[in-house]
PDB file of N, CA and C in Angstrom:
ATOM      1  N   MET A   1     -35.429  42.769  29.602  1.00  0.00           N
ATOM      2  CA  MET A   1     -35.581  43.268  27.707  1.00  0.00           C
ATOM      3  C   MET A   1     -35.033  42.220  27.123  1.00  0.00           C
ATOM      4  N   PRO A   2     -35.578  40.995  26.254  1.00  0.00           N
ATOM      5  CA  PRO A   2     -34.787  40.126  25.525  1.00  0.00           C
ATOM      6  C   PRO A   2     -34.136  40.796  24.261  1.00  0.00           C
ATOM      7  N   SER A   3     -32.889  40.743  24.257  1.00  0.00           N
ATOM      8  CA  SER A   3     -31.846  40.835  23.020  1.00  0.00           C
ATOM      9  C   SER A   3     -32.465  39.787  21.483  1.00  0.00           C
ATOM     10  N   LYS A   4     -32.251  40.800  20.611  1.00  0.00           N
ATOM     11  CA  LYS A   4     -32.446  40.132  19.118  1.00  0.00           C
ATOM     12  C   LYS A   4     -31.262  39.707  18.690  1.00  0.00           C
ATOM     13  N   GLU A   5     -30.287  39.684  19.343  1.00  0.00           N
ATOM     14  CA  GLU A   5     -28.731  39.118  18.845  1.00  0.00           C
ATOM     15  C   GLU A   5     -28.797  37.719  18.896  1.00  0.00           C
ATOM     16  N   LYS A   6     -28.453  37.390  17.809  1.00  0.00           N
ATOM     17  CA  LYS A   6     -27.855  35.840  18.003  1.00  0.00           C
ATOM     18  C   LYS A   6     -26.485  35.857  17.460  1.00  0.00           C
ATOM     19  N   PHE A   7     -26.018  35.112  18.214  1.00  0.00           N
ATOM     20  CA  PHE A   7     -24.501  34.481  18.225  1.00  0.00           C
ATOM     21  C   PHE A   7     -24.280  33.155  17.675  1.00  0.00           C
ATOM     22  N   SER A   8     -23.866  33.340  16.299  1.00  0.00           N
ATOM     23  CA  SER A   8     -24.013  31.815  15.798  1.00  0.00           C
ATOM     24  C   SER A   8     -22.773  30.926  16.594  1.00  0.00           C
ATOM     25  N   PHE A   9     -21.870  31.518  16.886  1.00  0.00           N
ATOM     26  CA  PHE A   9     -21.029  30.206  17.865  1.00  0.00           C
ATOM     27  C   PHE A   9     -21.524  29.646  19.137  1.00  0.00           C
ATOM     28  N   ALA A  10     -22.581  30.403  19.655  1.00  0.00           N
ATOM     29  CA  ALA A  10     -23.343  29.552  20.429  1.00  0.00           C
ATOM     30  C   ALA A  10     -24.657  28.598  20.209  1.00  0.00           C
ATOM     31  N   ASP A  11     -25.124  28.740  18.933  1.00  0.00           N
ATOM     32  CA  ASP A  11     -26.281  28.052  18.519  1.00  0.00           C
ATOM     33  C   ASP A  11     -25.811  27.118  17.814  1.00  0.00           C
ATOM     34  N   GLU A  12     -24.669  27.298  16.658  1.00  0.00           N
ATOM     35  CA  GLU A  12     -24.109  26.250  15.861  1.00  0.00           C
ATOM     36  C   GLU A  12     -23.183  25.543  16.287  1.00  0.00           C
ATOM     37  N   ARG A  13     -23.195  23.905  15.801  1.00  0.00           N
ATOM     38  CA  ARG A  13     -22.418  23.154  16.704  1.00  0.00           C
ATOM     39  C   ARG A  13     -21.419  23.357  15.256  1.00  0.00           C
ATOM     40  N   ALA A  14     -20.004  22.971  15.954  1.00  0.00           N
ATOM     41  CA  ALA A  14     -18.848  22.716  14.728  1.00  0.00           C
ATOM     42  C   ALA A  14     -18.948  21.968  13.720  1.00  0.00           C
ATOM     43  N   PRO A  15     -18.815  21.869  12.528  1.00  0.00           N
ATOM     44  CA  PRO A  15     -19.028  21.008  11.430  1.00  0.00           C
ATOM     45  C   PRO A  15     -17.406  19.957  11.870  1.00  0.00           C
ATOM     46  N   LYS A  16     -18.311  18.572  11.968  1.00  0.00           N
ATOM     47  CA  LYS A  16     -17.325  17.651  11.902  1.00  0.00           C
ATOM     48  C   LYS A  16     -16.458  17.535  10.967  1.00  0.00           C
ATOM     49  N   ILE A  17     -14.991  17.671  11.186  1.00  0.00           N
ATOM     50  CA  ILE A  17     -14.075  17.093  10.336  1.00  0.00           C
ATOM     51  C   ILE A  17     -13.461  15.958   9.842  1.00  0.00           C
ATOM     52  N   LYS A  18     -13.569  15.377   9.044  1.00  0.00           N
ATOM     53  CA  LYS A  18     -13.098  13.887   8.985  1.00  0.00           C
ATOM     54  C   LYS A  18     -11.757  13.881   8.537  1.00  0.00           C
ATOM     55  N   GLN A  19     -10.877  13.411   9.195  1.00  0.00           N
ATOM     56  CA  GLN A  19      -9.472  13.241   8.702  1.00  0.00           C
ATOM     57  C   GLN A  19      -9.326  12.221   7.581  1.00  0.00           C
ATOM     58  N   PRO A  20      -8.620  12.584   6.891  1.00  0.00           N
ATOM     59  CA  PRO A  20      -8.630  11.748   5.316  1.00  0.00           C
ATOM     60  C   PRO A  20      -7.994  10.299   5.952  1.00  0.00           C
ATOM     61  N   HIS A  21      -7.213  10.267   6.743  1.00  0.00           N
ATOM     62  CA  HIS A  21      -6.335   9.172   7.066  1.00  0.00           C
ATOM     63  C   HIS A  21      -7.121   8.318   8.606  1.00  0.00           C
ATOM     64  N   SER A  22      -8.339   8.505   8.729  1.00  0.00           N
ATOM     65  CA  SER A  22      -9.063   7.903  10.356  1.00  0.00           C
ATOM     66  C   SER A  22      -8.951   6.750  10.212  1.00  0.00           C
ATOM     67  N   ASN A  23      -9.844   6.143   9.163  1.00  0.00           N
ATOM     68  CA  ASN A  23      -9.694   4.797   9.071  1.00  0.00           C
ATOM     69  C   ASN A  23      -8.223   3.794   8.936  1.00  0.00           C
ATOM     70  N   ALA A  24      -7.161   4.541   8.405  1.00  0.00           N
ATOM     71  CA  ALA A  24      -5.889   4.042   8.422  1.00  0.00           C
ATOM     72  C   ALA A  24      -5.274   4.265   9.663  1.00  0.00           C
ATOM     73  N   GLN A  25      -5.557   5.299  10.413  1.00  0.00           N
ATOM     74  CA  GLN A  25      -5.046   5.636  11.882  1.00  0.00           C
ATOM     75  C   GLN A  25      -5.309   4.351  12.876  1.00  0.00           C
ATOM     76  N   GLN A  26      -6.907   4.482  12.606  1.00  0.00           N
ATOM     77  CA  GLN A  26      -7.206   3.022  13.541  1.00  0.00           C
ATOM     78  C   GLN A  26      -6.814   1.947  13.047  1.00  0.00           C
ATOM     79  N   LEU A  27      -6.358   1.476  11.945  1.00  0.00           N
ATOM     80  CA  LEU A  27      -5.738   0.474  11.496  1.00  0.00           C
ATOM     81  C   LEU A  27      -4.204   0.243  12.132  1.00  0.00           C
ATOM     82  N   LEU A  28      -3.846   1.282  12.009  1.00  0.00           N
ATOM     83  CA  LEU A  28      -2.400   1.517  12.651  1.00  0.00           C
ATOM     84  C   LEU A  28      -2.312   1.258  14.107  1.00  0.00           C
ATOM     85  N   ASP A  29      -3.129   1.889  14.653  1.00  0.00           N
ATOM     86  CA  ASP A  29      -3.453   1.727  16.537  1.00  0.00           C
ATOM     87  C   ASP A  29      -3.447   0.364  16.718  1.00  0.00           C
ATOM     88  N   TRP A  30      -4.456  -0.308  15.920  1.00  0.00           N
ATOM     89  CA  TRP A  30      -4.899  -1.921  16.275  1.00  0.00           C
ATOM     90  C   TRP A  30      -3.685  -2.543  15.865  1.00  0.00           C
ATOM     91  N   LEU A  31      -2.700  -2.333  14.748  1.00  0.00           N
ATOM     92  CA  LEU A  31      -1.829  -3.201  14.495  1.00  0.00           C
ATOM     93  C   LEU A  31      -0.283  -2.826  15.343  1.00  0.00           C
ATOM     94  N   GLN A  32      -0.392  -1.877  16.422  1.00  0.00           N
ATOM     95  CA  GLN A  32       0.246  -1.820  17.190  1.00  0.00           C
ATOM     96  C   GLN A  32       0.364  -2.974  18.357  1.00  0.00           C
ATOM     97  N   ARG A  33      -0.893  -2.787  18.493  1.00  0.00           N
ATOM     98  CA  ARG A  33      -1.345  -3.923  19.627  1.00  0.00           C
ATOM     99  C   ARG A  33      -1.537  -5.685  19.058  1.00  0.00           C
ATOM    100  N   TRP A  34      -1.384  -5.450  17.861  1.00  0.00           N
ATOM    101  CA  TRP A  34      -1.384  -6.914  16.962  1.00  0.00           C
ATOM    102  C   TRP A  34      -0.107  -7.825  17.647  1.00  0.00           C
ATOM    103  N   GLY A  35      -0.356  -8.989  18.018  1.00  0.00           N
ATOM    104  CA  GLY A  35       0.731  -9.861  18.692  1.00  0.00           C
ATOM    105  C   GLY A  35       1.532 -10.554  17.648  1.00  0.00           C
ATOM    106  N   LYS A  36       1.494 -10.373  16.252  1.00  0.00           N
ATOM    107  CA  LYS A  36       2.171 -11.177  15.051  1.00  0.00           C
ATOM    108  C   LYS A  36       3.006 -10.156  14.517  1.00  0.00           C
ATOM    109  N   SER A  37       4.012 -10.868  13.798  1.00  0.00           N
ATOM    110  CA  SER A  37       4.796  -9.750  12.839  1.00  0.00           C
ATOM    111  C   SER A  37       4.269  -9.551  11.600  1.00  0.00           C
ATOM    112  N   THR A  38       3.024 -10.307  11.191  1.00  0.00           N
ATOM    113  CA  THR A  38       2.458 -10.342  10.061  1.00  0.00           C
ATOM    114  C   THR A  38       1.068 -10.076  10.145  1.00  0.00           C
ATOM    115  N   VAL A  39       0.146  -9.759   9.033  1.00  0.00           N
ATOM    116  CA  VAL A  39      -1.171  -9.477   9.039  1.00  0.00           C
ATOM    117  C   VAL A  39      -1.562 -10.152   7.838  1.00  0.00           C
ATOM    118  N   THR A  40      -2.921 -10.644   7.760  1.00  0.00           N
ATOM    119  CA  THR A  40      -3.599 -10.978   6.696  1.00  0.00           C
ATOM    120  C   THR A  40      -4.767 -10.163   6.412  1.00  0.00           C
ATOM    121  N   ALA A  41      -5.096 -10.235   4.864  1.00  0.00           N
ATOM    122  CA  ALA A  41      -6.521  -9.320   4.714  1.00  0.00           C
ATOM    123  C   ALA A  41      -7.715  -9.704   5.547  1.00  0.00           C
ATOM    124  N   LYS A  42      -7.607 -11.030   5.496  1.00  0.00           N
ATOM    125  CA  LYS A  42      -8.689 -12.160   6.507  1.00  0.00           C
ATOM    126  C   LYS A  42      -8.806 -11.787   8.064  1.00  0.00           C
ATOM    127  N   GLU A  43      -7.477 -11.537   8.692  1.00  0.00           N
ATOM    128  CA  GLU A  43      -7.507 -11.371   9.816  1.00  0.00           C
ATOM    129  C   GLU A  43      -7.763 -10.065  10.055  1.00  0.00           C
ATOM    130  N   ILE A  44      -7.568  -9.029   9.342  1.00  0.00           N
ATOM    131  CA  ILE A  44      -8.382  -7.640   9.287  1.00  0.00           C
ATOM    132  C   ILE A  44      -9.742  -7.663   9.676  1.00  0.00           C
ATOM    133  N   TYR A  45     -10.192  -8.402   8.531  1.00  0.00           N
ATOM    134  CA  TYR A  45     -11.800  -8.332   7.979  1.00  0.00           C
ATOM    135  C   TYR A  45     -12.286  -8.855   9.643  1.00  0.00           C
ATOM    136  N   GLN A  46     -11.738  -9.810  10.119  1.00  0.00           N
ATOM    137  CA  GLN A  46     -12.098 -10.849  11.420  1.00  0.00           C
ATOM    138  C   GLN A  46     -11.991  -9.834  12.692  1.00  0.00           C
ATOM    139  N   TYR A  47     -10.546  -9.505  13.153  1.00  0.00           N
ATOM    140  CA  TYR A  47     -10.549  -9.143  14.143  1.00  0.00           C
ATOM    141  C   TYR A  47      -9.907  -7.431  14.132  1.00  0.00           C
ATOM    142  N   GLY A  48     -10.074  -6.694  13.058  1.00  0.00           N
ATOM    143  CA  GLY A  48      -9.750  -5.420  12.844  1.00  0.00           C
ATOM    144  C   GLY A  48     -10.578  -4.447  13.620  1.00  0.00           C
ATOM    145  N   PRO A  49     -10.430  -3.200  13.513  1.00  0.00           N
ATOM    146  CA  PRO A  49     -11.752  -2.307  14.063  1.00  0.00           C
ATOM    147  C   PRO A  49     -12.614  -2.449  13.178  1.00  0.00           C
ATOM    148  N   HIS A  50     -13.507  -2.217  13.806  1.00  0.00           N
ATOM    149  CA  HIS A  50     -15.330  -2.465  13.180  1.00  0.00           C
ATOM    150  C   HIS A  50     -15.539  -1.646  12.143  1.00  0.00           C
ATOM    151  N   PRO A  51     -14.713  -0.238  12.199  1.00  0.00           N
ATOM    152  CA  PRO A  51     -15.187   0.468  10.739  1.00  0.00           C
ATOM    153  C   PRO A  51     -14.310   0.022   9.509  1.00  0.00           C
ATOM    154  N   ILE A  52     -13.181  -0.978   9.725  1.00  0.00           N
ATOM    155  CA  ILE A  52     -12.663  -1.365   8.555  1.00  0.00           C
ATOM    156  C   ILE A  52     -12.707  -2.586   8.258  1.00  0.00           C
ATOM    157  N   ARG A  53     -13.879  -3.327   8.868  1.00  0.00           N
ATOM    158  CA  ARG A  53     -13.976  -4.985   8.749  1.00  0.00           C
ATOM    159  C   ARG A  53     -14.460  -4.910   7.119  1.00  0.00           C
ATOM    160  N   ASP A  54     -15.029  -4.167   6.443  1.00  0.00           N
ATOM    161  CA  ASP A  54     -15.400  -4.371   5.172  1.00  0.00           C
ATOM    162  C   ASP A  54     -14.171  -4.497   4.242  1.00  0.00           C
ATOM    163  N   ARG A  55     -14.430  -4.976   3.021  1.00  0.00           N
ATOM    164  CA  ARG A  55     -13.155  -5.142   2.224  1.00  0.00           C
ATOM    165  C   ARG A  55     -12.374  -3.857   1.731  1.00  0.00           C
ATOM    166  N   GLU A  56     -13.481  -2.970   1.227  1.00  0.00           N
ATOM    167  CA  GLU A  56     -13.097  -1.728   0.558  1.00  0.00           C
ATOM    168  C   GLU A  56     -12.412  -1.039   1.499  1.00  0.00           C
ATOM    169  N   SER A  57     -12.629  -0.681   2.882  1.00  0.00           N
ATOM    170  CA  SER A  57     -12.213  -0.093   3.618  1.00  0.00           C
ATOM    171  C   SER A  57     -11.020  -0.198   4.488  1.00  0.00           C
ATOM    172  N   ALA A  58     -10.980  -1.900   4.249  1.00  0.00           N
ATOM    173  CA  ALA A  58      -9.836  -2.359   4.674  1.00  0.00           C
ATOM    174  C   ALA A  58      -8.577  -2.378   3.722  1.00  0.00           C
ATOM    175  N   ILE A  59      -8.746  -2.420   2.580  1.00  0.00           N
ATOM    176  CA  ILE A  59      -7.994  -2.263   1.404  1.00  0.00           C
ATOM    177  C   ILE A  59      -7.351  -1.026   1.370  1.00  0.00           C
ATOM    178  N   SER A  60      -8.216   0.108   1.405  1.00  0.00           N
ATOM    179  CA  SER A  60      -7.658   1.180   1.253  1.00  0.00           C
ATOM    180  C   SER A  60      -7.421   1.746   2.453  1.00  0.00           C
ATOM    181  N   SER A  61      -7.154   1.314   3.544  1.00  0.00           N
ATOM    182  CA  SER A  61      -6.627   1.634   4.937  1.00  0.00           C
ATOM    183  C   SER A  61      -5.244   1.077   4.845  1.00  0.00           C
ATOM    184  N   VAL A  62      -5.309  -0.024   4.515  1.00  0.00           N
ATOM    185  CA  VAL A  62      -3.893  -0.931   3.962  1.00  0.00           C
ATOM    186  C   VAL A  62      -2.856  -0.047   3.016  1.00  0.00           C
ATOM    187  N   GLU A  63      -3.616   0.410   2.120  1.00  0.00           N
ATOM    188  CA  GLU A  63      -2.710   1.223   0.711  1.00  0.00           C
ATOM    189  C   GLU A  63      -2.222   2.255   1.402  1.00  0.00           C
ATOM    190  N   VAL A  64      -2.711   2.999   2.635  1.00  0.00           N
ATOM    191  CA  VAL A  64      -2.327   4.266   3.238  1.00  0.00           C
ATOM    192  C   VAL A  64      -1.147   3.914   4.088  1.00  0.00           C
ATOM    193  N   LEU A  65      -1.206   2.754   4.705  1.00  0.00           N
ATOM    194  CA  LEU A  65      -0.209   2.595   5.261  1.00  0.00           C
ATOM    195  C   LEU A  65       1.101   1.744   4.844  1.00  0.00           C
ATOM    196  N   VAL A  66       0.432   1.219   3.452  1.00  0.00           N
ATOM    197  CA  VAL A  66       2.078   0.584   2.651  1.00  0.00           C
ATOM    198  C   VAL A  66       2.669   2.174   2.276  1.00  0.00           C
ATOM    199  N   LYS A  67       1.718   3.195   1.710  1.00  0.00           N
ATOM    200  CA  LYS A  67       2.325   4.180   1.205  1.00  0.00           C
ATOM    201  C   LYS A  67       3.227   5.102   2.317  1.00  0.00           C
ATOM    202  N   HIS A  68       3.040   4.623   3.187  1.00  0.00           N
ATOM    203  CA  HIS A  68       3.887   5.650   4.712  1.00  0.00           C
ATOM    204  C   HIS A  68       4.824   4.645   4.941  1.00  0.00           C
ATOM    205  N   GLY A  69       4.775   3.072   4.775  1.00  0.00           N
ATOM    206  CA  GLY A  69       5.796   2.667   5.038  1.00  0.00           C
ATOM    207  C   GLY A  69       5.653   1.920   6.666  1.00  0.00           C
ATOM    208  N   TRP A  70       4.142   1.599   7.123  1.00  0.00           N
ATOM    209  CA  TRP A  70       4.264   0.800   8.024  1.00  0.00           C
ATOM    210  C   TRP A  70       3.933  -0.892   7.912  1.00  0.00           C
ATOM    211  N   LEU A  71       3.620  -0.755   6.640  1.00  0.00           N
ATOM    212  CA  LEU A  71       3.135  -2.117   6.353  1.00  0.00           C
ATOM    213  C   LEU A  71       3.915  -2.648   4.719  1.00  0.00           C
ATOM    214  N   VAL A  72       4.552  -4.020   4.857  1.00  0.00           N
ATOM    215  CA  VAL A  72       5.544  -4.023   3.476  1.00  0.00           C
ATOM    216  C   VAL A  72       4.418  -5.022   2.949  1.00  0.00           C
ATOM    217  N   PRO A  73       3.919  -5.146   2.034  1.00  0.00           N
ATOM    218  CA  PRO A  73       3.466  -6.463   0.966  1.00  0.00           C
ATOM    219  C   PRO A  73       4.189  -7.677   1.298  1.00  0.00           C
ATOM    220  N   THR A  74       3.706  -9.062   1.232  1.00  0.00           N
ATOM    221  CA  THR A  74       4.748 -10.230   0.907  1.00  0.00           C
ATOM    222  C   THR A  74       4.412 -10.862  -0.056  1.00  0.00           C
ATOM    223  N   GLN A  75       5.139 -11.781  -0.707  1.00  0.00           N
ATOM    224  CA  GLN A  75       4.957 -12.550  -1.695  1.00  0.00           C
ATOM    225  C   GLN A  75       4.117 -13.711  -1.329  1.00  0.00           C
ATOM    226  N   THR A  76       3.432 -14.132  -1.805  1.00  0.00           N
ATOM    227  CA  THR A  76       2.366 -15.371  -1.743  1.00  0.00           C
ATOM    228  C   THR A  76       2.090 -16.522  -2.554  1.00  0.00           C
ATOM    229  N   ARG A  77       1.886 -17.191  -2.619  1.00  0.00           N
ATOM    230  CA  ARG A  77       1.599 -18.428  -3.527  1.00  0.00           C
ATOM    231  C   ARG A  77       0.325 -18.282  -4.245  1.00  0.00           C
ATOM    232  N   GLN A  78      -0.758 -17.868  -3.727  1.00  0.00           N
ATOM    233  CA  GLN A  78      -1.650 -17.501  -4.069  1.00  0.00           C
ATOM    234  C   GLN A  78      -2.126 -15.928  -4.596  1.00  0.00           C
ATOM    235  N   ARG A  79      -2.408 -15.868  -5.970  1.00  0.00           N
ATOM    236  CA  ARG A  79      -2.658 -14.359  -6.007  1.00  0.00           C
ATOM    237  C   ARG A  79      -3.718 -13.757  -5.118  1.00  0.00           C
ATOM    238  N   ASN A  80      -4.664 -14.453  -4.697  1.00  0.00           N
ATOM    239  CA  ASN A  80      -5.791 -13.433  -3.871  1.00  0.00           C
ATOM    240  C   ASN A  80      -5.609 -13.820  -2.488  1.00  0.00           C
ATOM    241  N   TYR A  81      -4.470 -14.037  -2.162  1.00  0.00           N
ATOM    242  CA  TYR A  81      -4.043 -14.444  -0.394  1.00  0.00           C
ATOM    243  C   TYR A  81      -3.197 -12.963  -0.080  1.00  0.00           C
ATOM    244  N   ARG A  82      -3.903 -12.226   0.679  1.00  0.00           N
ATOM    245  CA  ARG A  82      -2.952 -10.620   0.906  1.00  0.00           C
ATOM    246  C   ARG A  82      -2.399 -10.845   2.439  1.00  0.00           C
ATOM    247  N   ILE A  83      -0.913 -10.696   2.451  1.00  0.00           N
ATOM    248  CA  ILE A  83      -0.215 -10.896   3.337  1.00  0.00           C
ATOM    249  C   ILE A  83       0.493  -9.485   3.761  1.00  0.00           C
ATOM    250  N   TRP A  84       0.893  -8.836   4.714  1.00  0.00           N
ATOM    251  CA  TRP A  84       1.596  -7.609   4.921  1.00  0.00           C
ATOM    252  C   TRP A  84       2.516  -7.934   6.039  1.00  0.00           C
ATOM    253  N   GLN A  85       3.782  -7.287   6.068  1.00  0.00           N
ATOM    254  CA  GLN A  85       5.121  -7.594   7.303  1.00  0.00           C
ATOM    255  C   GLN A  85       4.356  -6.383   7.884  1.00  0.00           C
ATOM    256  N   ILE A  86       4.622  -6.144   9.215  1.00  0.00           N
ATOM    257  CA  ILE A  86       4.471  -5.006   9.974  1.00  0.00           C
ATOM    258  C   ILE A  86       5.704  -4.363  10.322  1.00  0.00           C
ATOM    259  N   VAL A  87       5.846  -2.937  10.125  1.00  0.00           N
ATOM    260  CA  VAL A  87       6.975  -2.594  10.389  1.00  0.00           C
ATOM    261  C   VAL A  87       6.768  -1.665  11.740  1.00  0.00           C
ATOM    262  N   ARG A  88       7.405  -2.076  13.023  1.00  0.00           N
ATOM    263  CA  ARG A  88       7.398  -1.475  13.920  1.00  0.00           C
ATOM    264  C   ARG A  88       8.666  -0.491  14.124  1.00  0.00           C
ATOM    265  N   LYS A  89       8.363   0.966  14.306  1.00  0.00           N
ATOM    266  CA  LYS A  89       9.351   1.566  14.030  1.00  0.00           C
ATOM    267  C   LYS A  89       9.743   2.152  15.352  1.00  0.00           C
ATOM    268  N   GLY A  90      10.589   1.681  16.168  1.00  0.00           N
ATOM    269  CA  GLY A  90      10.841   2.075  17.528  1.00  0.00           C
ATOM    270  C   GLY A  90       9.800   2.007  18.770  1.00  0.00           C
ATOM    271  N   PRO A  91      10.400   2.722  19.618  1.00  0.00           N
ATOM    272  CA  PRO A  91       9.199   3.005  20.880  1.00  0.00           C
ATOM    273  C   PRO A  91       8.517   4.230  20.395  1.00  0.00           C
ATOM    274  N   ILE A  92       7.529   4.286  19.629  1.00  0.00           N
ATOM    275  CA  ILE A  92       6.605   5.115  19.262  1.00  0.00           C
ATOM    276  C   ILE A  92       4.988   5.192  20.439  1.00  0.00           C
ATOM    277  N   VAL A  93       4.984   6.371  21.222  1.00  0.00           N
ATOM    278  CA  VAL A  93       3.918   6.079  22.220  1.00  0.00           C
ATOM    279  C   VAL A  93       2.416   6.142  20.914  1.00  0.00           C
ATOM    280  N   HIS A  94       2.403   7.221  20.464  1.00  0.00           N
ATOM    281  CA  HIS A  94       1.610   7.290  19.703  1.00  0.00           C
ATOM    282  C   HIS A  94       1.567   7.530  18.046  1.00  0.00           C
ATOM    283  N   PRO A  95       1.574   6.120  17.616  1.00  0.00           N
ATOM    284  CA  PRO A  95       2.088   6.554  15.990  1.00  0.00           C
ATOM    285  C   PRO A  95       0.956   7.289  14.981  1.00  0.00           C
ATOM    286  N   THR A  96       1.448   7.776  14.062  1.00  0.00           N
ATOM    287  CA  THR A  96       0.739   8.457  13.169  1.00  0.00           C
ATOM    288  C   THR A  96       0.721   8.061  11.816  1.00  0.00           C
ATOM    289  N   VAL A  97      -0.130   8.241  11.049  1.00  0.00           N
ATOM    290  CA  VAL A  97      -0.090   8.027   9.727  1.00  0.00           C
ATOM    291  C   VAL A  97       0.779   8.388   9.003  1.00  0.00           C
ATOM    292  N   ALA A  98       0.729   9.802   9.414  1.00  0.00           N
ATOM    293  CA  ALA A  98       1.554  10.759   8.169  1.00  0.00           C
ATOM    294  C   ALA A  98       2.968  10.996   8.802  1.00  0.00           C
ATOM    295  N   GLY A  99       3.285  10.291   9.819  1.00  0.00           N
ATOM    296  CA  GLY A  99       4.848  10.082  10.309  1.00  0.00           C
ATOM    297  C   GLY A  99       5.778   9.602   9.823  1.00  0.00           C
TER     298      GLY A  99
END
């Protein structure tokens, strides 16, 4: 005899929760593997993680990393050229943006 009960946990998928700093976290993970001590906006657009290769996503992710101390802006001669010093905080296995 079929039951008319419906279990919501079995039928519905859990909603995907987007982390507020997920793009910044992807950029941070990529920067940990980056071979240089500095990174430019152009290098992020060309070689960075795919979701961050547009200007808007890249700059917003960089701003989050600057706020949390993972990147330090560097003075340049041209005001439209952006370069950041990468801060490597010791031997961290899985660095997080909030940390």
